[in-house]
Amino acid sequence: MTAVVRHVLLVDSHALSDQQTAAIRRLLDDAFGGDLTDEDWQHALGGWHALIEEAGQVVAHAAVVERPFLVGARAVRAGYVEAVAVTPARQRTGLGSSVMRAINARIRERFELGALSSGEWGFYERLGWERWRGPTYVRRADGQTIRTPDEDEGVMVLRTERSGALDVRQPIVCDERVGDSW
């Protein structure tokens, strides 16, 4: 079997062209069946985007943005993964893995930890991610920390050289944001 080499573009949000930005949003709307909210879209902006273009169309995308986390009592600078999608006709062809490998590399070079929320555990586990086993929380703007038990099963992390000793059974806290905090 011959491996297919795909060219993955890694682009800062601010360097995306208007055409790329529109194409990514179309892809996400298509891949998520119209369930991608404007808040979800905003969460994907402000960091880096890994994308694959074919015949002038974006066929795969993943983004990573910086977010502060608290792991146990330790403040952690995390790369949070957003908006991972492949055009429906091309799903399960390796495109998602290709964009995630580029995102993983960016996380490993720039952050202490990678994090995301998903129910697609097998996909991410194959790429080095592990499920968080501790309780999840959200820190509100007023400083109050709220337990988010519905998120406990969905949070996953990617360790980096800077992660240090990390016990995935500790509490993990993210800052509240408009829309889904996790």
Protein backbone atom coordinates (compact mmCIF):
# COMPACT_ATOMS: atom_id res chain seq x y z
CA MET A 1 0.00 0.00 0.00
CA THR A 2 1.35 3.42 -0.94
CA ALA A 3 1.02 6.23 1.62
CA VAL A 4 -0.63 9.39 0.34
CA VAL A 5 1.27 12.55 1.22
CA ARG A 6 -1.03 15.47 1.88
CA HIS A 7 0.10 19.06 2.06
CA VAL A 8 -1.21 20.57 5.30
CA LEU A 9 -1.15 24.36 5.55
CA LEU A 10 -0.61 25.75 9.05
CA VAL A 11 -1.86 29.32 9.09
CA ASP A 12 -2.27 31.90 11.86
CA SER A 13 -5.91 33.07 12.10
CA HIS A 14 -4.86 36.63 11.24
CA ALA A 15 -3.11 35.44 8.07
CA LEU A 16 -6.10 33.57 6.64
CA SER A 17 -7.43 35.11 3.46
CA ASP A 18 -11.09 36.07 3.30
CA GLN A 19 -11.58 33.20 0.85
CA GLN A 20 -9.94 30.68 3.21
CA THR A 21 -11.98 31.94 6.16
CA ALA A 22 -15.22 31.60 4.20
CA ALA A 23 -14.21 28.17 2.89
CA ILE A 24 -13.41 26.92 6.40
CA ARG A 25 -16.76 28.14 7.72
CA ARG A 26 -18.57 26.42 4.80
CA LEU A 27 -16.71 23.19 5.53
CA LEU A 28 -17.61 23.36 9.23
CA ASP A 29 -21.27 24.09 8.47
CA ASP A 30 -21.35 21.15 6.05
CA ALA A 31 -19.46 18.72 8.30
CA PHE A 32 -21.51 19.59 11.41
CA GLY A 33 -24.81 19.53 9.54
CA GLY A 34 -25.61 23.13 10.41
CA ASP A 35 -25.07 22.57 14.16
CA LEU A 36 -21.98 24.81 14.36
CA THR A 37 -22.98 27.97 16.22
CA ASP A 38 -21.48 31.41 15.75
CA GLU A 39 -19.93 30.99 19.23
CA ASP A 40 -18.33 27.69 18.14
CA TRP A 41 -16.89 29.47 15.12
CA GLN A 42 -15.52 32.31 17.26
CA HIS A 43 -13.86 29.75 19.56
CA ALA A 44 -11.85 28.46 16.57
CA LEU A 45 -10.38 31.89 15.77
CA GLY A 46 -7.34 33.57 17.28
CA GLY A 47 -4.81 30.75 17.04
CA TRP A 48 -3.60 28.51 14.23
CA HIS A 49 -5.45 26.55 11.59
CA ALA A 50 -4.32 23.36 9.91
CA LEU A 51 -6.09 22.89 6.61
CA ILE A 52 -5.97 20.81 3.50
CA GLU A 53 -7.15 22.30 0.23
CA GLU A 54 -8.00 20.31 -2.87
CA ALA A 55 -9.19 21.84 -6.13
CA GLY A 56 -9.64 25.20 -4.45
CA GLN A 57 -11.79 23.80 -1.63
CA VAL A 58 -10.91 23.31 2.04
CA VAL A 59 -11.57 19.60 2.66
CA ALA A 60 -10.11 19.27 6.17
CA HIS A 61 -9.56 21.66 9.07
CA ALA A 62 -8.52 21.80 12.72
CA ALA A 63 -7.68 24.79 14.90
CA VAL A 64 -5.80 25.34 18.14
CA VAL A 65 -6.17 28.37 20.39
CA GLU A 66 -4.45 29.28 23.63
CA ARG A 67 -6.47 28.87 26.82
CA PRO A 68 -5.47 29.01 30.48
CA PHE A 69 -6.28 25.91 32.52
CA LEU A 70 -5.89 24.93 36.12
CA VAL A 71 -4.79 21.32 36.63
CA GLY A 72 -5.05 20.53 40.31
CA ALA A 73 -3.49 23.68 41.79
CA ARG A 74 -1.17 24.32 38.82
CA ALA A 75 -1.82 26.98 36.16
CA VAL A 76 -1.21 25.52 32.71
CA ARG A 77 -0.94 27.22 29.32
CA ALA A 78 -2.96 24.93 27.06
CA GLY A 79 -3.48 24.63 23.33
CA TYR A 80 -7.19 23.94 22.97
CA VAL A 81 -8.35 22.17 19.81
CA GLU A 82 -11.45 23.44 18.04
CA ALA A 83 -13.40 22.88 14.83
CA VAL A 84 -11.93 19.58 13.64
CA ALA A 85 -13.79 18.64 10.47
CA VAL A 86 -13.51 16.85 7.15
CA THR A 87 -15.89 17.33 4.26
CA PRO A 88 -18.46 14.51 4.58
CA ALA A 89 -17.60 12.90 1.23
CA ARG A 90 -13.95 12.55 2.31
CA GLN A 91 -14.34 11.41 5.92
CA ARG A 92 -12.40 8.32 7.03
CA THR A 93 -9.71 8.84 4.38
CA GLY A 94 -6.92 10.11 6.67
CA LEU A 95 -7.53 13.83 6.13
CA GLY A 96 -8.60 14.40 9.74
CA SER A 97 -5.52 12.59 11.02
CA SER A 98 -3.32 14.72 8.77
CA VAL A 99 -4.62 18.05 10.09
CA MET A 100 -4.52 16.78 13.68
CA ARG A 101 -0.87 15.71 13.34
CA ALA A 102 -0.04 19.29 12.33
CA ILE A 103 -2.04 20.64 15.28
CA ASN A 104 -0.36 18.16 17.65
CA ALA A 105 3.05 19.39 16.47
CA ARG A 106 2.04 23.03 17.10
CA ILE A 107 0.79 22.13 20.58
CA ARG A 108 4.00 20.27 21.42
CA GLU A 109 6.20 23.18 20.33
CA ARG A 110 4.18 26.00 21.97
CA PHE A 111 2.15 24.74 24.93
CA GLU A 112 2.41 22.84 28.20
CA LEU A 113 -0.62 20.73 27.38
CA GLY A 114 -3.11 20.08 24.61
CA ALA A 115 -6.80 19.79 25.46
CA LEU A 116 -10.08 19.21 23.66
CA SER A 117 -13.60 17.98 24.24
CA SER A 118 -14.96 15.16 22.11
CA GLY A 119 -16.82 11.89 22.12
CA GLU A 120 -14.56 10.52 19.35
CA TRP A 121 -12.05 9.02 21.80
CA GLY A 122 -10.67 6.35 19.48
CA PHE A 123 -9.75 8.84 16.77
CA TYR A 124 -7.81 11.07 19.15
CA GLU A 125 -6.27 8.21 21.16
CA ARG A 126 -4.65 6.91 17.96
CA LEU A 127 -2.97 10.31 17.69
CA GLY A 128 -1.55 10.29 21.23
CA TRP A 129 -4.38 11.90 23.18
CA GLU A 130 -5.68 10.46 26.45
CA ARG A 131 -8.96 10.83 28.30
CA TRP A 132 -9.04 13.03 31.37
CA ARG A 133 -10.23 10.97 34.36
CA GLY A 134 -10.65 13.73 36.94
CA PRO A 135 -13.58 16.07 37.50
CA THR A 136 -14.10 19.07 35.23
CA TYR A 137 -14.95 22.62 36.26
CA VAL A 138 -15.51 26.05 34.72
CA ARG A 139 -14.24 29.24 36.36
CA ARG A 140 -16.68 32.09 35.89
CA ALA A 141 -15.67 35.73 35.40
CA ASP A 142 -16.67 36.44 39.01
CA GLY A 143 -14.12 33.85 40.18
CA GLN A 144 -16.67 31.23 41.16
CA THR A 145 -15.80 27.69 40.06
CA ILE A 146 -18.71 25.55 38.83
CA ARG A 147 -18.62 21.75 38.54
CA THR A 148 -19.36 20.47 34.98
CA PRO A 149 -20.03 16.73 35.42
CA ASP A 150 -21.53 16.39 31.92
CA GLU A 151 -18.07 17.19 30.51
CA ASP A 152 -16.17 14.60 32.56
CA GLU A 153 -16.23 11.92 29.89
CA GLY A 154 -15.36 14.18 26.95
CA VAL A 155 -12.18 16.03 27.93
CA MET A 156 -8.95 14.70 26.43
CA VAL A 157 -5.35 15.88 26.78
CA LEU A 158 -2.11 15.67 24.84
CA ARG A 159 1.04 15.73 26.94
CA THR A 160 4.06 17.74 25.81
CA GLU A 161 7.65 17.90 27.03
CA ARG A 162 6.56 20.75 29.31
CA SER A 163 3.60 18.91 30.85
CA GLY A 164 5.73 17.56 33.68
CA ALA A 165 4.15 15.16 36.13
CA LEU A 166 0.51 15.18 35.23
CA ASP A 167 -2.12 13.13 37.03
CA VAL A 168 -5.19 12.86 34.79
CA ARG A 169 -7.31 12.13 37.88
CA GLN A 170 -6.89 15.67 39.23
CA PRO A 171 -9.55 18.33 38.78
CA ILE A 172 -9.21 20.39 35.59
CA VAL A 173 -10.63 23.90 35.25
CA CYS A 174 -11.13 26.08 32.17
CA ASP A 175 -12.35 29.67 32.02
CA GLU A 176 -15.98 30.26 31.14
CA ARG A 177 -16.70 31.62 27.67
CA VAL A 178 -19.77 32.42 25.58
CA GLY A 179 -21.29 29.23 24.20
CA ASP A 180 -19.75 25.93 25.26
CA SER A 181 -16.97 26.47 27.78
CA TRP A 182 -15.51 23.05 27.06
